[in-house]
Protein backbone atom coordinates (compact mmCIF):
# COMPACT_ATOMS: atom_id res chain seq x y z
CA MET A 1 60.14 123.08 121.58
CA LYS A 2 59.00 123.67 117.89
CA LYS A 3 58.37 120.59 115.76
CA THR A 4 61.19 121.62 113.15
CA THR A 5 63.84 121.81 115.96
CA ARG A 6 62.90 118.40 117.31
CA GLU A 7 63.16 117.09 113.77
CA THR A 8 66.40 118.77 113.15
CA ILE A 9 67.85 117.34 116.41
CA GLY A 10 66.43 113.94 115.58
CA ALA A 11 68.16 114.12 112.19
CA PHE A 12 71.28 115.33 113.57
CA ILE A 13 71.48 112.41 116.05
CA ILE A 14 70.54 109.87 113.42
CA ILE A 15 73.07 111.22 110.75
CA SER A 16 75.85 111.45 113.45
CA VAL A 17 75.39 108.09 114.97
CA ALA A 18 75.18 106.39 111.45
CA TYR A 19 78.28 108.33 110.31
CA ILE A 20 80.25 107.54 113.48
CA ALA A 21 79.25 103.97 113.28
CA SER A 22 80.10 103.47 109.90
CA TYR A 23 83.60 105.20 110.35
CA THR A 24 84.19 103.24 113.13
CA LEU A 25 83.35 99.93 111.23
CA VAL A 26 85.76 101.12 108.58
CA ALA A 27 88.54 102.02 110.91
CA GLY A 28 88.26 99.08 113.26
CA PHE A 29 87.45 96.24 110.85
CA ILE A 30 87.88 97.06 107.20
CA ALA A 31 91.09 99.13 107.42
CA PRO A 32 93.01 96.42 109.40
CA LEU A 33 91.73 93.84 106.84
CA GLN A 34 92.72 96.02 103.90
CA GLU A 35 96.20 96.48 105.56
CA LEU A 36 96.52 92.81 105.79
CA ILE A 37 95.54 92.23 102.10
CA LEU A 38 97.24 95.35 100.82
CA PRO A 39 100.18 96.27 103.05
CA THR A 40 101.68 98.68 100.82
CA PHE A 41 98.52 100.79 100.15
CA THR A 42 98.24 104.22 101.97
CA THR A 43 96.57 104.36 105.19
CA SER A 44 94.56 107.34 104.46
CA ILE A 45 92.33 105.64 101.87
CA SER A 46 89.73 103.00 102.56
CA LEU A 47 88.79 101.03 99.57
CA LEU A 48 85.44 100.46 101.32
CA PHE A 49 84.61 103.88 102.93
CA LEU A 50 81.00 103.20 104.15
CA PRO A 51 80.62 106.78 105.61
CA HIS A 52 80.11 108.08 101.91
CA GLY A 53 76.95 106.36 101.70
CA ILE A 54 75.76 108.23 104.83
CA ARG A 55 76.91 111.67 103.38
CA ILE A 56 75.08 110.79 100.17
CA LEU A 57 71.82 109.85 101.87
CA ALA A 58 71.94 112.84 104.08
CA ALA A 59 72.32 114.98 100.99
CA TYR A 60 69.39 112.99 99.29
CA TYR A 61 66.98 113.70 102.26
CA TYR A 62 68.17 117.23 103.52
CA GLY A 63 69.84 118.89 100.65
CA TRP A 64 72.25 121.78 101.78
CA LYS A 65 70.95 121.43 105.27
CA ALA A 66 72.92 118.11 105.49
CA LEU A 67 76.08 120.09 105.74
CA PRO A 68 75.54 121.24 109.21
CA LEU A 69 74.14 118.15 110.16
CA LEU A 70 77.09 116.13 108.89
CA LEU A 71 80.20 118.42 109.79
CA PRO A 72 80.40 117.79 113.59
CA SER A 73 80.55 113.94 113.08
CA MET A 74 82.78 114.26 110.15
CA TYR A 75 85.19 116.60 112.01
CA LEU A 76 85.14 114.34 115.09
CA MET A 77 86.26 111.21 113.22
CA TRP A 78 88.65 113.27 111.37
CA PHE A 79 90.14 114.55 114.51
CA ILE A 80 90.05 111.09 116.14
CA THR A 81 91.45 109.01 113.22
CA VAL A 82 93.50 111.22 110.99
CA TYR A 83 94.80 114.13 113.03
CA ALA A 84 95.45 111.88 116.14
CA ASN A 85 97.46 109.60 114.00
CA ASN A 86 99.40 112.08 112.07
CA ILE A 87 97.81 111.05 108.66
CA SER A 88 98.24 113.42 105.89
CA LEU A 89 94.72 114.47 105.30
CA HIS A 90 93.99 118.18 104.98
CA PRO A 91 91.70 119.68 107.65
CA LEU A 92 89.38 120.94 104.93
CA SER A 93 88.80 117.36 103.62
CA PRO A 94 85.59 116.76 105.72
CA LEU A 95 84.02 119.96 104.53
CA PHE A 96 84.98 119.39 100.81
CA SER A 97 83.64 115.79 101.17
CA GLY A 98 79.99 117.03 102.30
CA ILE A 99 80.03 119.62 99.76
CA ALA A 100 80.97 117.20 97.09
CA CYS A 101 78.17 114.86 97.91
CA ILE A 102 75.56 117.54 98.21
CA ILE A 103 76.49 119.24 94.70
CA ALA A 104 76.51 115.42 93.27
CA VAL A 105 72.88 114.75 94.63
CA LYS A 106 71.90 118.19 93.53
CA PHE A 107 73.24 117.53 90.06
CA ILE A 108 71.87 114.20 89.72
CA PHE A 109 68.32 114.76 91.05
CA LYS A 110 66.49 117.70 89.51
CA ASN A 111 63.33 116.67 91.33
CA ILE A 112 63.73 114.42 94.34
CA LYS A 113 60.70 112.47 95.01
CA HIS A 114 61.99 110.82 98.22
CA ILE A 115 60.90 107.34 96.92
CA ILE A 116 64.13 105.59 97.55
CA GLU A 117 62.80 102.26 96.26
CA LYS A 118 62.45 104.00 92.74
CA GLU A 119 65.39 106.44 93.11
CA TRP A 120 67.94 103.98 94.19
CA LYS A 121 69.93 103.72 90.86
CA LEU A 122 70.17 107.70 90.79
CA LEU A 123 71.37 107.48 94.23
CA LEU A 124 74.22 105.28 93.17
CA LEU A 125 74.89 107.46 90.48
CA ALA A 126 74.96 110.52 92.68
CA GLY A 127 77.27 108.50 94.83
CA LEU A 128 79.54 107.86 91.87
CA VAL A 129 79.47 111.75 90.80
CA GLY A 130 80.11 112.51 94.63
CA SER A 131 82.97 110.05 94.84
CA PHE A 132 84.54 111.38 91.81
CA LEU A 133 84.33 115.15 93.14
CA ASN A 134 85.41 113.95 96.54
CA GLY A 135 88.36 112.22 95.12
CA LEU A 136 89.35 115.21 93.01
CA SER A 137 89.09 117.66 96.03
CA HIS A 138 91.16 115.23 98.37
CA SER A 139 93.82 114.88 95.74
CA PHE A 140 94.09 118.59 95.31
CA LEU A 141 94.07 119.38 98.93
CA VAL A 142 96.76 116.77 99.71
CA TYR A 143 98.79 116.84 96.64
CA LYS A 144 98.09 119.94 94.89
CA SER A 145 97.16 117.90 91.89
CA PHE A 146 93.83 116.77 90.62
CA LEU A 147 94.75 113.49 89.05
CA THR A 148 96.69 111.38 91.19
CA ILE A 149 96.64 107.72 92.36
CA SER A 150 94.91 108.99 95.55
CA PHE A 151 92.11 110.16 93.38
CA ILE A 152 91.46 106.82 92.11
CA GLY A 153 91.64 105.04 95.55
CA TYR A 154 89.18 107.79 97.02
CA THR A 155 86.83 107.39 94.24
CA ILE A 156 86.82 103.48 94.22
CA GLY A 157 86.59 103.45 98.16
CA ASP A 158 83.54 105.87 98.19
CA ILE A 159 81.51 104.28 95.55
CA LEU A 160 82.26 100.73 96.81
CA GLY A 161 81.63 101.88 100.46
CA GLN A 162 78.27 103.31 99.37
CA ILE A 163 77.12 100.10 97.53
CA LEU A 164 78.10 97.77 100.49
CA LEU A 165 76.25 100.25 102.83
CA MET A 166 73.20 100.19 100.69
CA ILE A 167 73.27 96.32 100.44
CA MET A 168 73.55 96.30 104.24
CA PHE A 169 70.50 98.75 104.69
CA ILE A 170 68.56 96.75 102.13
CA TYR A 171 69.32 93.52 103.96
CA CYS A 172 68.23 95.21 107.29
CA LEU A 173 64.96 96.27 105.70
CA LEU A 174 64.30 92.93 104.33
CA TYR A 175 64.91 90.84 107.33
CA THR A 176 63.57 93.35 110.06
CA SER A 177 60.25 94.28 108.42
CA PRO A 178 57.27 92.08 108.87
CA SER A 179 56.26 90.21 105.77
CA PRO A 180 52.73 90.72 104.46
CA ARG A 181 51.91 87.21 105.70
CA ASP A 182 53.04 88.19 109.29
CA LEU A 183 50.82 91.15 109.04
CA SER A 184 47.73 89.31 107.94
CA THR A 185 47.88 86.60 110.67
CA SER A 186 48.20 89.42 113.48
């Protein structure tokens, strides 16, 4: 098997598992908590949508190649959580979400260095632009209008979800990586 094929399969598995896990966390924990706190808020919008961060990271690392890596898990979760529960979210929503994130990353990063420690602020900005584009596309697909209350909900949920996801990743990196002191005593 070619090295690039192995790398692509590995990227597909990592992105799919990350997307499905983050979506499951939203559906199983965040959504019920949101419903408890905001019972009148719509069920198709999460105010902490963690998978947006996965889409942005995939776009950051893989560019347009991220779309075929993301789409299977995005449509799987759309089918399980949206279609199966008769939630009014357009079938093209996952596709538009992926495209919106890639366009945002391409727009913000003219020259990606893949040094996330130095580019994390730009990554958040790309996430904001991506959530804005995603909110516009969802709003149009569902309500045939760009500026609706759902646009605000999608935008807020995506960016807050990305911020929380990045904090979780930073926490994991800080507390799972050996400290320099631990490495010197080995």
